[in-house]
Amino acid sequence: MNRTEFIIATAVILFAAFALGWFASWLVNRFTRVTRADIGELDRMAQALHEAEETRDQAITYAEDREAELTGQIKQSEAELRAAMEALREARGEAEELRAWIERQNAG
């Protein structure tokens, strides 16, 4: 093989490698191309996700507000219970004093 034949053979091999690489690249791009329908679907999914996050945030806010309200009601109920227990304690004491007074009056 002389010099000219070697150069031509090398050029043909390099051109074939280039053509094969270009064809492989074209195939990859052809099969992995994103269509407008895919982009539209991704946009719809993003919008749905955004709405779901907003709904979640609203639910969390509502739950926190409701928890604060219920905590306040519990504290108020506990305060009322303490007041009622104190009043009951005082009423029992007064009843005991009245019983003792009545027993002294009956005994004397």
N, C-alpha and C. Protein backbone atom coordinates (compact mmCIF):
# COMPACT_ATOMS: atom_id res chain seq x y z
N MET A 1 0.86 -1.15 0.00
CA MET A 1 0.00 0.00 0.00
C MET A 1 0.92 1.23 0.00
N ASN A 2 0.68 2.09 -0.96
CA ASN A 2 1.51 3.28 -1.02
C ASN A 2 0.87 4.41 -0.22
N ARG A 3 1.52 5.53 -0.23
CA ARG A 3 1.11 6.66 0.60
C ARG A 3 -0.26 7.18 0.21
N THR A 4 -0.58 7.30 -1.02
CA THR A 4 -1.86 7.82 -1.50
C THR A 4 -3.00 6.89 -1.11
N GLU A 5 -2.80 5.60 -1.32
CA GLU A 5 -3.83 4.63 -0.93
C GLU A 5 -4.06 4.66 0.57
N PHE A 6 -3.02 4.81 1.36
CA PHE A 6 -3.14 4.88 2.81
C PHE A 6 -3.94 6.11 3.22
N ILE A 7 -3.67 7.25 2.59
CA ILE A 7 -4.39 8.49 2.91
C ILE A 7 -5.86 8.35 2.54
N ILE A 8 -6.13 7.77 1.38
CA ILE A 8 -7.52 7.59 0.95
C ILE A 8 -8.24 6.62 1.87
N ALA A 9 -7.62 5.53 2.25
CA ALA A 9 -8.24 4.56 3.15
C ALA A 9 -8.51 5.18 4.51
N THR A 10 -7.57 5.97 5.03
CA THR A 10 -7.75 6.64 6.31
C THR A 10 -8.89 7.64 6.23
N ALA A 11 -8.94 8.39 5.10
CA ALA A 11 -10.02 9.37 4.92
C ALA A 11 -11.38 8.68 4.85
N VAL A 12 -11.45 7.56 4.16
CA VAL A 12 -12.72 6.82 4.07
C VAL A 12 -13.12 6.29 5.44
N ILE A 13 -12.19 5.78 6.20
CA ILE A 13 -12.49 5.25 7.54
C ILE A 13 -12.96 6.39 8.47
N LEU A 14 -12.26 7.53 8.40
CA LEU A 14 -12.65 8.67 9.24
C LEU A 14 -14.02 9.21 8.83
N PHE A 15 -14.29 9.27 7.50
CA PHE A 15 -15.60 9.72 7.04
C PHE A 15 -16.69 8.76 7.49
N ALA A 16 -16.43 7.46 7.42
CA ALA A 16 -17.40 6.46 7.86
C ALA A 16 -17.65 6.59 9.36
N ALA A 17 -16.60 6.82 10.14
CA ALA A 17 -16.76 7.00 11.58
C ALA A 17 -17.58 8.26 11.87
N PHE A 18 -17.28 9.34 11.13
CA PHE A 18 -18.04 10.58 11.29
C PHE A 18 -19.52 10.35 10.95
N ALA A 19 -19.79 9.70 9.83
CA ALA A 19 -21.17 9.45 9.40
C ALA A 19 -21.90 8.56 10.41
N LEU A 20 -21.22 7.53 10.91
CA LEU A 20 -21.84 6.66 11.91
C LEU A 20 -22.15 7.44 13.19
N GLY A 21 -21.23 8.29 13.64
CA GLY A 21 -21.45 9.11 14.84
C GLY A 21 -22.60 10.09 14.64
N TRP A 22 -22.64 10.72 13.46
CA TRP A 22 -23.73 11.66 13.18
C TRP A 22 -25.07 10.93 13.16
N PHE A 23 -25.12 9.75 12.55
CA PHE A 23 -26.35 8.98 12.49
C PHE A 23 -26.80 8.57 13.89
N ALA A 24 -25.86 8.14 14.73
CA ALA A 24 -26.19 7.75 16.10
C ALA A 24 -26.72 8.96 16.88
N SER A 25 -26.11 10.11 16.70
CA SER A 25 -26.58 11.33 17.35
C SER A 25 -27.98 11.69 16.88
N TRP A 26 -28.24 11.57 15.58
CA TRP A 26 -29.56 11.87 15.04
C TRP A 26 -30.62 10.93 15.62
N LEU A 27 -30.26 9.64 15.74
CA LEU A 27 -31.20 8.68 16.32
C LEU A 27 -31.52 9.01 17.79
N VAL A 28 -30.48 9.32 18.55
CA VAL A 28 -30.69 9.66 19.96
C VAL A 28 -31.59 10.88 20.08
N ASN A 29 -31.31 11.92 19.29
CA ASN A 29 -32.14 13.12 19.34
C ASN A 29 -33.57 12.84 18.89
N ARG A 30 -33.71 11.98 17.92
CA ARG A 30 -35.03 11.65 17.39
C ARG A 30 -35.89 10.95 18.44
N PHE A 31 -35.29 10.03 19.20
CA PHE A 31 -36.06 9.27 20.17
C PHE A 31 -36.21 9.95 21.52
N THR A 32 -35.34 10.90 21.82
CA THR A 32 -35.42 11.57 23.13
C THR A 32 -35.99 12.98 23.01
N ARG A 33 -36.50 13.33 21.89
CA ARG A 33 -37.06 14.67 21.69
C ARG A 33 -38.30 14.86 22.55
N VAL A 34 -38.43 16.03 23.16
CA VAL A 34 -39.58 16.35 23.99
C VAL A 34 -40.62 17.03 23.10
N THR A 35 -41.83 16.48 23.10
CA THR A 35 -42.88 17.03 22.24
C THR A 35 -43.65 18.12 22.98
N ARG A 36 -44.43 18.87 22.25
CA ARG A 36 -45.26 19.92 22.85
C ARG A 36 -46.29 19.31 23.81
N ALA A 37 -46.78 18.14 23.48
CA ALA A 37 -47.74 17.47 24.36
C ALA A 37 -47.08 17.16 25.71
N ASP A 38 -45.83 16.70 25.65
CA ASP A 38 -45.12 16.41 26.90
C ASP A 38 -44.92 17.68 27.72
N ILE A 39 -44.58 18.76 27.05
CA ILE A 39 -44.38 20.03 27.75
C ILE A 39 -45.70 20.50 28.36
N GLY A 40 -46.80 20.35 27.60
CA GLY A 40 -48.11 20.72 28.13
C GLY A 40 -48.48 19.90 29.34
N GLU A 41 -48.19 18.60 29.28
CA GLU A 41 -48.49 17.73 30.41
C GLU A 41 -47.64 18.11 31.62
N LEU A 42 -46.38 18.44 31.40
CA LEU A 42 -45.52 18.88 32.50
C LEU A 42 -46.05 20.17 33.11
N ASP A 43 -46.53 21.09 32.27
CA ASP A 43 -47.10 22.34 32.78
C ASP A 43 -48.34 22.06 33.63
N ARG A 44 -49.19 21.16 33.16
CA ARG A 44 -50.39 20.82 33.93
C ARG A 44 -50.02 20.17 35.27
N MET A 45 -49.02 19.29 35.23
CA MET A 45 -48.58 18.65 36.46
C MET A 45 -48.00 19.68 37.44
N ALA A 46 -47.24 20.64 36.91
CA ALA A 46 -46.66 21.68 37.76
C ALA A 46 -47.76 22.53 38.38
N GLN A 47 -48.79 22.86 37.60
CA GLN A 47 -49.90 23.64 38.11
C GLN A 47 -50.66 22.86 39.18
N ALA A 48 -50.89 21.58 38.95
CA ALA A 48 -51.58 20.74 39.94
C ALA A 48 -50.77 20.64 41.22
N LEU A 49 -49.46 20.50 41.09
CA LEU A 49 -48.59 20.45 42.27
C LEU A 49 -48.66 21.76 43.04
N HIS A 50 -48.64 22.87 42.33
CA HIS A 50 -48.71 24.18 42.98
C HIS A 50 -50.04 24.32 43.74
N GLU A 51 -51.14 23.91 43.12
CA GLU A 51 -52.44 23.99 43.78
C GLU A 51 -52.49 23.07 44.99
N ALA A 52 -51.90 21.90 44.88
CA ALA A 52 -51.87 20.96 46.02
C ALA A 52 -51.06 21.55 47.17
N GLU A 53 -49.95 22.21 46.86
CA GLU A 53 -49.15 22.83 47.91
C GLU A 53 -49.92 23.95 48.59
N GLU A 54 -50.66 24.75 47.80
CA GLU A 54 -51.46 25.82 48.39
C GLU A 54 -52.55 25.24 49.28
N THR A 55 -53.18 24.18 48.84
CA THR A 55 -54.22 23.53 49.64
C THR A 55 -53.63 22.99 50.93
N ARG A 56 -52.44 22.37 50.83
CA ARG A 56 -51.78 21.86 52.02
C ARG A 56 -51.46 22.98 53.00
N ASP A 57 -50.95 24.10 52.48
CA ASP A 57 -50.64 25.24 53.34
C ASP A 57 -51.89 25.77 54.03
N GLN A 58 -53.00 25.84 53.29
CA GLN A 58 -54.26 26.31 53.88
C GLN A 58 -54.73 25.33 54.96
N ALA A 59 -54.58 24.04 54.70
CA ALA A 59 -54.99 23.04 55.69
C ALA A 59 -54.14 23.14 56.95
N ILE A 60 -52.86 23.36 56.78
CA ILE A 60 -51.97 23.50 57.94
C ILE A 60 -52.35 24.74 58.74
N THR A 61 -52.61 25.84 58.04
CA THR A 61 -53.01 27.07 58.72
C THR A 61 -54.32 26.86 59.48
N TYR A 62 -55.28 26.20 58.83
CA TYR A 62 -56.56 25.94 59.49
C TYR A 62 -56.36 25.07 60.72
N ALA A 63 -55.54 24.03 60.59
CA ALA A 63 -55.30 23.14 61.72
C ALA A 63 -54.63 23.88 62.88
N GLU A 64 -53.68 24.73 62.57
CA GLU A 64 -53.01 25.50 63.63
C GLU A 64 -53.99 26.45 64.31
N ASP A 65 -54.84 27.14 63.51
CA ASP A 65 -55.83 28.04 64.10
C ASP A 65 -56.82 27.27 64.97
N ARG A 66 -57.27 26.15 64.46
CA ARG A 66 -58.24 25.33 65.21
C ARG A 66 -57.60 24.80 66.50
N GLU A 67 -56.34 24.40 66.41
CA GLU A 67 -55.64 23.92 67.60
C GLU A 67 -55.53 25.02 68.65
N ALA A 68 -55.20 26.23 68.20
CA ALA A 68 -55.10 27.36 69.13
C ALA A 68 -56.46 27.65 69.76
N GLU A 69 -57.52 27.60 68.97
CA GLU A 69 -58.86 27.83 69.49
C GLU A 69 -59.25 26.78 70.53
N LEU A 70 -58.98 25.52 70.20
CA LEU A 70 -59.32 24.43 71.12
C LEU A 70 -58.48 24.50 72.40
N THR A 71 -57.23 24.87 72.26
CA THR A 71 -56.38 25.04 73.44
C THR A 71 -56.94 26.12 74.35
N GLY A 72 -57.39 27.22 73.75
CA GLY A 72 -58.02 28.28 74.54
C GLY A 72 -59.28 27.80 75.23
N GLN A 73 -60.09 27.02 74.52
CA GLN A 73 -61.30 26.49 75.13
C GLN A 73 -60.98 25.54 76.28
N ILE A 74 -59.95 24.74 76.11
CA ILE A 74 -59.54 23.81 77.18
C ILE A 74 -59.09 24.60 78.40
N LYS A 75 -58.29 25.63 78.18
CA LYS A 75 -57.82 26.44 79.31
C LYS A 75 -58.99 27.12 80.02
N GLN A 76 -59.95 27.61 79.23
CA GLN A 76 -61.12 28.24 79.82
C GLN A 76 -61.93 27.22 80.62
N SER A 77 -62.11 26.03 80.06
CA SER A 77 -62.85 24.97 80.76
C SER A 77 -62.14 24.57 82.05
N GLU A 78 -60.82 24.49 81.99
CA GLU A 78 -60.07 24.13 83.20
C GLU A 78 -60.22 25.21 84.27
N ALA A 79 -60.20 26.48 83.84
CA ALA A 79 -60.39 27.57 84.80
C ALA A 79 -61.78 27.50 85.42
N GLU A 80 -62.80 27.24 84.58
CA GLU A 80 -64.16 27.12 85.09
C GLU A 80 -64.27 25.92 86.04
N LEU A 81 -63.61 24.82 85.71
CA LEU A 81 -63.62 23.64 86.57
C LEU A 81 -62.98 23.95 87.92
N ARG A 82 -61.86 24.65 87.90
CA ARG A 82 -61.21 25.02 89.16
C ARG A 82 -62.12 25.91 90.01
N ALA A 83 -62.80 26.86 89.34
CA ALA A 83 -63.71 27.75 90.06
C ALA A 83 -64.88 26.96 90.64
N ALA A 84 -65.41 26.02 89.85
CA ALA A 84 -66.53 25.21 90.34
C ALA A 84 -66.10 24.32 91.50
N MET A 85 -64.91 23.75 91.42
CA MET A 85 -64.41 22.91 92.50
C MET A 85 -64.21 23.74 93.78
N GLU A 86 -63.71 24.94 93.63
CA GLU A 86 -63.52 25.81 94.78
C GLU A 86 -64.87 26.17 95.40
N ALA A 87 -65.85 26.49 94.54
CA ALA A 87 -67.18 26.81 95.04
C ALA A 87 -67.79 25.61 95.74
N LEU A 88 -67.62 24.41 95.20
CA LEU A 88 -68.12 23.19 95.82
C LEU A 88 -67.45 22.96 97.17
N ARG A 89 -66.16 23.20 97.22
CA ARG A 89 -65.43 23.05 98.48
C ARG A 89 -65.98 24.01 99.54
N GLU A 90 -66.22 25.24 99.13
CA GLU A 90 -66.77 26.23 100.07
C GLU A 90 -68.18 25.83 100.50
N ALA A 91 -69.00 25.32 99.55
CA ALA A 91 -70.36 24.91 99.88
C ALA A 91 -70.34 23.74 100.86
N ARG A 92 -69.43 22.81 100.68
CA ARG A 92 -69.32 21.69 101.61
C ARG A 92 -68.93 22.18 103.00
N GLY A 93 -68.01 23.13 103.03
CA GLY A 93 -67.61 23.70 104.33
C GLY A 93 -68.77 24.37 105.02
N GLU A 94 -69.55 25.15 104.26
CA GLU A 94 -70.71 25.82 104.84
C GLU A 94 -71.74 24.79 105.30
N ALA A 95 -71.93 23.71 104.53
CA ALA A 95 -72.87 22.66 104.93
C ALA A 95 -72.43 22.01 106.22
N GLU A 96 -71.13 21.76 106.37
CA GLU A 96 -70.60 21.18 107.60
C GLU A 96 -70.82 22.13 108.78
N GLU A 97 -70.59 23.43 108.56
CA GLU A 97 -70.81 24.41 109.63
C GLU A 97 -72.28 24.44 110.03
N LEU A 98 -73.19 24.38 109.03
CA LEU A 98 -74.62 24.38 109.34
C LEU A 98 -75.02 23.12 110.09
N ARG A 99 -74.49 21.96 109.69
CA ARG A 99 -74.78 20.71 110.41
C ARG A 99 -74.30 20.81 111.86
N ALA A 100 -73.10 21.31 112.02
CA ALA A 100 -72.56 21.45 113.38
C ALA A 100 -73.42 22.42 114.19
N TRP A 101 -73.85 23.51 113.61
CA TRP A 101 -74.68 24.49 114.32
C TRP A 101 -76.02 23.88 114.70
N ILE A 102 -76.61 23.11 113.72
CA ILE A 102 -77.91 22.45 113.99
C ILE A 102 -77.75 21.41 115.08
N GLU A 103 -76.68 20.64 115.07
CA GLU A 103 -76.45 19.64 116.11
C GLU A 103 -76.26 20.31 117.47
N ARG A 104 -75.61 21.45 117.53
CA ARG A 104 -75.44 22.18 118.80
C ARG A 104 -76.78 22.71 119.30
N GLN A 105 -77.60 23.16 118.35
CA GLN A 105 -78.91 23.69 118.76
C GLN A 105 -79.80 22.56 119.26
N ASN A 106 -79.73 21.40 118.60
CA ASN A 106 -80.55 20.27 119.03
C ASN A 106 -80.04 19.68 120.33
N ALA A 107 -78.73 19.68 120.52
CA ALA A 107 -78.16 19.11 121.74
C ALA A 107 -78.35 20.03 122.92
N GLY A 108 -78.38 21.32 122.68
CA GLY A 108 -78.43 22.26 123.80
C GLY A 108 -79.77 22.63 124.19
